[in-house]
């Protein structure tokens, strides 16, 4: 079974519509996907509808940004988004992101870089990657990575740290609405293996249900390591391309993973 459970659409900071994402996945021979836009479920029902039409399995998902000992992203799968309370809580999470965006744009203006935030918001959920692409379009930098290295990355002149979810809050949100919280791209935490396992244990004790062991940048040794931790702590082991566009993530359909039986059972795929 070929799966990709970490994909972004233009309802977040990707470039393709939710429907187009599903169509590409079908064309590339994927059996199951999940749309995991940042701090929003806006596009998932559109993607789910198209997936039903094309007979491809689909998981409702979102990627929740949080900050603990490091910036920690939680993939929220199988959340009951039909509950009004769920939509309300997600709107508050999105509002945290909006407040940070305003502060980022203000800092950029101080450095002579003008970004029309209201215009960007008309195109979908705005995050640092979207702002970075605008800076590249303006000719200030050559690449998105250069924008992060010079302006938006942690410790740079226009980096902003506002009130964010904690990892425990992101896990609790997911569990509250019947979902399965999974730690995204664990390698990006940049922790030693000893420190990582200690951090993982605190998240597991808070209800973490999985780890993205098969993230596209993980080599085989890292996949085996995270997979062993998943087995040790009875977690699902997921994977994905983190596809946004040609500069962020890997091209949709070129990377996939085959979930083990436990993961398939828990996620219902």
Protein backbone atom coordinates (compact mmCIF):
# COMPACT_ATOMS: atom_id res chain seq x y z
CA UNK A 1 0.00 0.00 0.00
CA UNK A 2 1.56 3.30 -1.14
CA UNK A 3 0.74 6.20 1.19
CA UNK A 4 1.62 9.86 1.58
CA UNK A 5 0.17 11.30 4.77
CA UNK A 6 1.80 14.73 4.79
CA UNK A 7 0.76 17.04 1.93
CA UNK A 8 -0.09 20.76 1.72
CA UNK A 9 -2.53 22.52 -0.61
CA UNK A 10 -3.15 26.16 -1.49
CA UNK A 11 -5.58 26.34 1.44
CA UNK A 12 -2.34 26.56 3.40
CA UNK A 13 1.07 27.27 1.90
CA UNK A 14 1.07 24.79 -0.99
CA UNK A 15 0.46 25.68 -4.63
CA UNK A 16 -2.17 23.17 -5.79
CA UNK A 17 -5.86 23.02 -4.88
CA UNK A 18 -7.07 20.17 -2.65
CA UNK A 19 -8.73 18.59 -5.68
CA UNK A 20 -5.56 18.81 -7.77
CA UNK A 21 -3.55 17.19 -4.98
CA UNK A 22 -5.87 14.17 -5.08
CA UNK A 23 -5.75 14.00 -8.87
CA UNK A 24 -1.94 14.02 -8.90
CA UNK A 25 -1.84 11.36 -6.17
CA UNK A 26 -4.15 9.13 -8.20
CA UNK A 27 -2.09 9.65 -11.34
CA UNK A 28 1.09 8.73 -9.45
CA UNK A 29 -0.43 5.51 -8.14
CA UNK A 30 -0.81 6.39 -4.48
CA UNK A 31 -3.37 4.34 -2.57
CA UNK A 32 -3.96 6.66 0.40
CA UNK A 33 -3.18 10.29 1.16
CA UNK A 34 -3.86 12.90 3.80
CA UNK A 35 -4.11 16.65 3.31
CA UNK A 36 -2.31 18.24 6.28
CA UNK A 37 -2.50 21.99 5.81
CA UNK A 38 -1.11 24.22 8.52
CA UNK A 39 -3.58 25.00 11.31
CA UNK A 40 -6.66 24.59 9.10
CA UNK A 41 -9.14 21.98 7.91
CA UNK A 42 -10.42 24.29 5.17
CA UNK A 43 -9.54 22.08 2.21
CA UNK A 44 -10.03 18.58 3.60
CA UNK A 45 -13.67 18.05 2.66
CA UNK A 46 -12.98 19.17 -0.90
CA UNK A 47 -10.09 16.72 -1.07
CA UNK A 48 -12.13 13.96 0.53
CA UNK A 49 -14.93 14.41 -2.00
CA UNK A 50 -12.50 14.21 -4.91
CA UNK A 51 -10.80 11.17 -3.35
CA UNK A 52 -14.16 9.39 -3.15
CA UNK A 53 -14.78 10.16 -6.82
CA UNK A 54 -11.37 8.78 -7.82
CA UNK A 55 -11.53 5.87 -5.36
CA UNK A 56 -8.42 6.71 -3.39
CA UNK A 57 -8.33 6.39 0.40
CA UNK A 58 -8.21 9.68 2.26
CA UNK A 59 -7.50 10.71 5.86
CA UNK A 60 -8.65 14.02 7.30
CA UNK A 61 -5.60 15.82 8.64
CA UNK A 62 -3.93 19.06 9.67
CA UNK A 63 -0.45 20.07 10.78
CA UNK A 64 -0.54 21.95 14.07
CA UNK A 65 2.35 24.26 14.89
CA UNK A 66 3.49 24.29 18.51
CA UNK A 67 6.53 25.24 20.56
CA UNK A 68 8.09 23.14 23.32
CA UNK A 69 11.82 22.68 23.87
CA UNK A 70 11.91 23.18 20.10
CA UNK A 71 9.36 24.04 17.42
CA UNK A 72 7.22 20.91 17.33
CA UNK A 73 4.63 20.07 14.69
CA UNK A 74 1.79 17.67 15.43
CA UNK A 75 -0.11 15.97 12.62
CA UNK A 76 -3.75 15.62 13.63
CA UNK A 77 -5.42 12.72 11.83
CA UNK A 78 -9.05 11.56 11.81
CA UNK A 79 -10.33 14.56 13.76
CA UNK A 80 -14.12 14.97 13.81
CA UNK A 81 -14.26 18.30 12.00
CA UNK A 82 -18.06 18.31 11.89
CA UNK A 83 -18.20 19.34 15.54
CA UNK A 84 -18.79 23.10 15.87
CA UNK A 85 -16.43 23.22 18.86
CA UNK A 86 -13.65 21.76 16.72
CA UNK A 87 -13.99 24.49 14.11
CA UNK A 88 -14.09 27.15 16.84
CA UNK A 89 -10.92 25.87 18.49
CA UNK A 90 -9.13 25.61 15.16
CA UNK A 91 -10.05 29.21 14.39
CA UNK A 92 -8.35 30.25 17.62
CA UNK A 93 -5.25 28.28 16.66
CA UNK A 94 -5.27 30.01 13.27
CA UNK A 95 -5.65 33.37 15.02
CA UNK A 96 -2.33 32.77 16.79
CA UNK A 97 -0.71 32.32 13.39
CA UNK A 98 -2.42 35.48 12.09
CA UNK A 99 -1.07 37.55 14.96
CA UNK A 100 2.45 36.31 14.25
CA UNK A 101 2.07 37.12 10.54
CA UNK A 102 1.13 40.72 11.35
CA UNK A 103 4.21 41.07 13.54
CA UNK A 104 6.45 39.53 10.85
CA UNK A 105 5.15 41.89 8.17
CA UNK A 106 5.73 44.86 10.48
CA UNK A 107 9.33 43.78 11.06
CA UNK A 108 9.91 43.25 7.35
CA UNK A 109 8.63 46.77 6.67
CA UNK A 110 11.25 48.10 9.09
CA UNK A 111 13.84 46.47 6.81
CA UNK A 112 12.34 47.98 3.66
CA UNK A 113 10.39 44.89 2.55
CA UNK A 114 6.69 45.58 1.99
CA UNK A 115 4.28 42.62 2.02
CA UNK A 116 0.53 42.98 1.39
CA UNK A 117 -0.75 40.59 4.02
CA UNK A 118 -4.42 41.14 3.24
CA UNK A 119 -3.86 40.20 -0.39
CA UNK A 120 -2.02 37.03 0.65
CA UNK A 121 -4.85 36.02 2.97
CA UNK A 122 -7.26 36.02 0.03
CA UNK A 123 -5.22 33.17 -1.45
CA UNK A 124 -5.37 30.91 1.62
CA UNK A 125 -3.74 30.34 4.99
CA UNK A 126 -0.58 32.42 5.33
CA UNK A 127 2.58 31.16 6.96
CA UNK A 128 6.25 32.00 6.80
CA UNK A 129 6.70 29.96 3.61
CA UNK A 130 4.02 32.00 1.82
CA UNK A 131 5.62 35.26 2.99
CA UNK A 132 9.01 33.94 1.92
CA UNK A 133 7.76 33.21 -1.60
CA UNK A 134 6.49 36.79 -1.85
CA UNK A 135 9.91 38.08 -0.86
CA UNK A 136 11.48 35.96 -3.60
CA UNK A 137 8.92 37.29 -6.11
CA UNK A 138 9.90 40.82 -5.10
CA UNK A 139 13.51 40.03 -5.98
CA UNK A 140 14.87 40.63 -2.49
CA UNK A 141 16.18 37.05 -2.27
CA UNK A 142 16.83 34.33 -4.82
CA UNK A 143 15.31 31.41 -2.92
CA UNK A 144 12.93 30.66 -0.06
CA UNK A 145 15.83 29.19 1.90
CA UNK A 146 17.73 32.45 1.54
CA UNK A 147 14.72 34.32 2.96
CA UNK A 148 14.75 32.08 6.02
CA UNK A 149 18.52 32.35 6.37
CA UNK A 150 18.47 36.15 6.20
CA UNK A 151 15.10 37.18 7.59
CA UNK A 152 12.54 34.65 8.82
CA UNK A 153 14.52 31.82 10.42
CA UNK A 154 14.91 31.51 14.19
CA UNK A 155 17.25 34.21 15.46
CA UNK A 156 17.09 36.29 12.29
CA UNK A 157 16.05 39.94 12.17
CA UNK A 158 12.39 39.39 11.27
CA UNK A 159 11.74 36.21 13.23
CA UNK A 160 8.78 36.57 15.60
CA UNK A 161 7.84 34.37 18.52
CA UNK A 162 4.28 35.02 19.72
CA UNK A 163 1.86 32.95 21.78
CA UNK A 164 1.69 29.50 20.23
CA UNK A 165 0.23 26.16 21.14
CA UNK A 166 2.37 23.96 23.31
CA UNK A 167 2.92 20.40 22.02
CA UNK A 168 0.71 19.11 24.82
CA UNK A 169 -2.07 21.50 23.80
CA UNK A 170 -1.78 20.35 20.17
CA UNK A 171 -2.04 16.74 21.31
CA UNK A 172 -4.98 17.53 23.58
CA UNK A 173 -6.82 19.33 20.77
CA UNK A 174 -6.43 16.30 18.52
CA UNK A 175 -7.56 13.86 21.19
CA UNK A 176 -10.48 16.06 22.23
CA UNK A 177 -12.02 15.65 18.80
CA UNK A 178 -11.35 11.96 18.41
CA UNK A 179 -8.16 12.22 16.39
CA UNK A 180 -4.73 10.62 16.46
CA UNK A 181 -1.81 13.00 17.17
CA UNK A 182 1.46 12.19 15.39
CA UNK A 183 4.84 13.87 15.82
CA UNK A 184 5.87 15.32 12.45
CA UNK A 185 9.41 15.22 10.97
CA UNK A 186 11.16 14.28 14.25
CA UNK A 187 14.64 14.80 12.79
CA UNK A 188 13.90 18.52 12.46
CA UNK A 189 13.86 18.83 16.24
CA UNK A 190 17.67 18.55 16.03
CA UNK A 191 17.95 16.67 19.31
CA UNK A 192 20.46 14.00 20.20
CA UNK A 193 18.97 10.53 20.28
CA UNK A 194 19.00 10.49 24.07
CA UNK A 195 17.34 13.89 24.35
CA UNK A 196 14.87 13.01 21.62
CA UNK A 197 13.67 9.88 23.37
CA UNK A 198 13.22 11.77 26.63
CA UNK A 199 11.17 14.41 24.82
CA UNK A 200 9.18 11.73 23.03
CA UNK A 201 8.35 10.08 26.36
CA UNK A 202 6.85 13.34 27.66
CA UNK A 203 4.70 13.60 24.54
CA UNK A 204 3.61 9.96 24.77
CA UNK A 205 2.59 10.51 28.39
CA UNK A 206 0.39 13.38 27.14
CA UNK A 207 -1.34 11.15 24.58
CA UNK A 208 0.87 11.21 21.48
CA UNK A 209 -0.26 8.40 19.19
CA UNK A 210 2.37 8.28 16.48
CA UNK A 211 5.65 9.39 14.96
CA UNK A 212 6.42 10.32 11.35
CA UNK A 213 9.20 7.75 11.06
CA UNK A 214 9.18 7.70 7.25
CA UNK A 215 9.53 11.42 6.55
CA UNK A 216 11.04 12.00 3.12
CA UNK A 217 14.41 13.36 4.35
CA UNK A 218 15.03 10.45 6.74
CA UNK A 219 17.67 7.97 5.64
CA UNK A 220 17.22 4.25 6.26
CA UNK A 221 19.06 4.34 9.57
CA UNK A 222 16.85 7.13 10.83
CA UNK A 223 13.69 5.40 9.60
CA UNK A 224 14.71 2.26 11.45
CA UNK A 225 15.49 4.22 14.61
CA UNK A 226 12.19 6.09 14.67
CA UNK A 227 10.37 2.91 13.70
CA UNK A 228 11.88 1.08 16.66
CA UNK A 229 10.79 3.89 18.98
CA UNK A 230 7.29 3.69 17.52
CA UNK A 231 7.18 -0.02 18.30
CA UNK A 232 8.66 0.51 21.78
CA UNK A 233 6.03 3.10 22.74
CA UNK A 234 3.15 1.50 20.79
CA UNK A 235 2.88 4.38 18.31
CA UNK A 236 1.74 4.38 14.71
CA UNK A 237 4.57 5.00 12.25
CA UNK A 238 3.55 7.34 9.44
CA UNK A 239 5.34 9.04 6.57
CA UNK A 240 4.99 11.69 3.92
CA UNK A 241 6.50 13.96 1.31
CA UNK A 242 5.65 17.28 3.05
CA UNK A 243 4.89 18.49 -0.46
CA UNK A 244 4.25 22.23 -0.82
CA UNK A 245 5.86 23.11 -4.14
CA UNK A 246 9.05 22.39 -6.08
CA UNK A 247 11.15 24.12 -3.41
CA UNK A 248 9.57 22.69 -0.25
CA UNK A 249 9.17 18.96 0.28
CA UNK A 250 9.56 16.39 -2.48
CA UNK A 251 7.45 16.10 -5.63
CA UNK A 252 4.12 14.46 -4.91
CA UNK A 253 4.12 10.79 -5.86
CA UNK A 254 7.90 10.35 -5.97
CA UNK A 255 8.09 9.26 -2.31
CA UNK A 256 5.67 7.05 -0.43
CA UNK A 257 5.67 4.58 2.44
CA UNK A 258 3.92 1.32 3.19
CA UNK A 259 2.33 1.38 6.67
CA UNK A 260 2.61 -1.63 8.92
CA UNK A 261 -0.45 -3.51 10.07
CA UNK A 262 -0.71 -1.70 13.40
CA UNK A 263 -0.60 1.70 11.71
CA UNK A 264 -3.21 0.70 9.16
CA UNK A 265 -5.52 -0.60 11.88
CA UNK A 266 -5.26 2.47 14.10
CA UNK A 267 -5.61 4.96 11.25
CA UNK A 268 -8.29 2.91 9.50
CA UNK A 269 -6.60 2.64 6.12
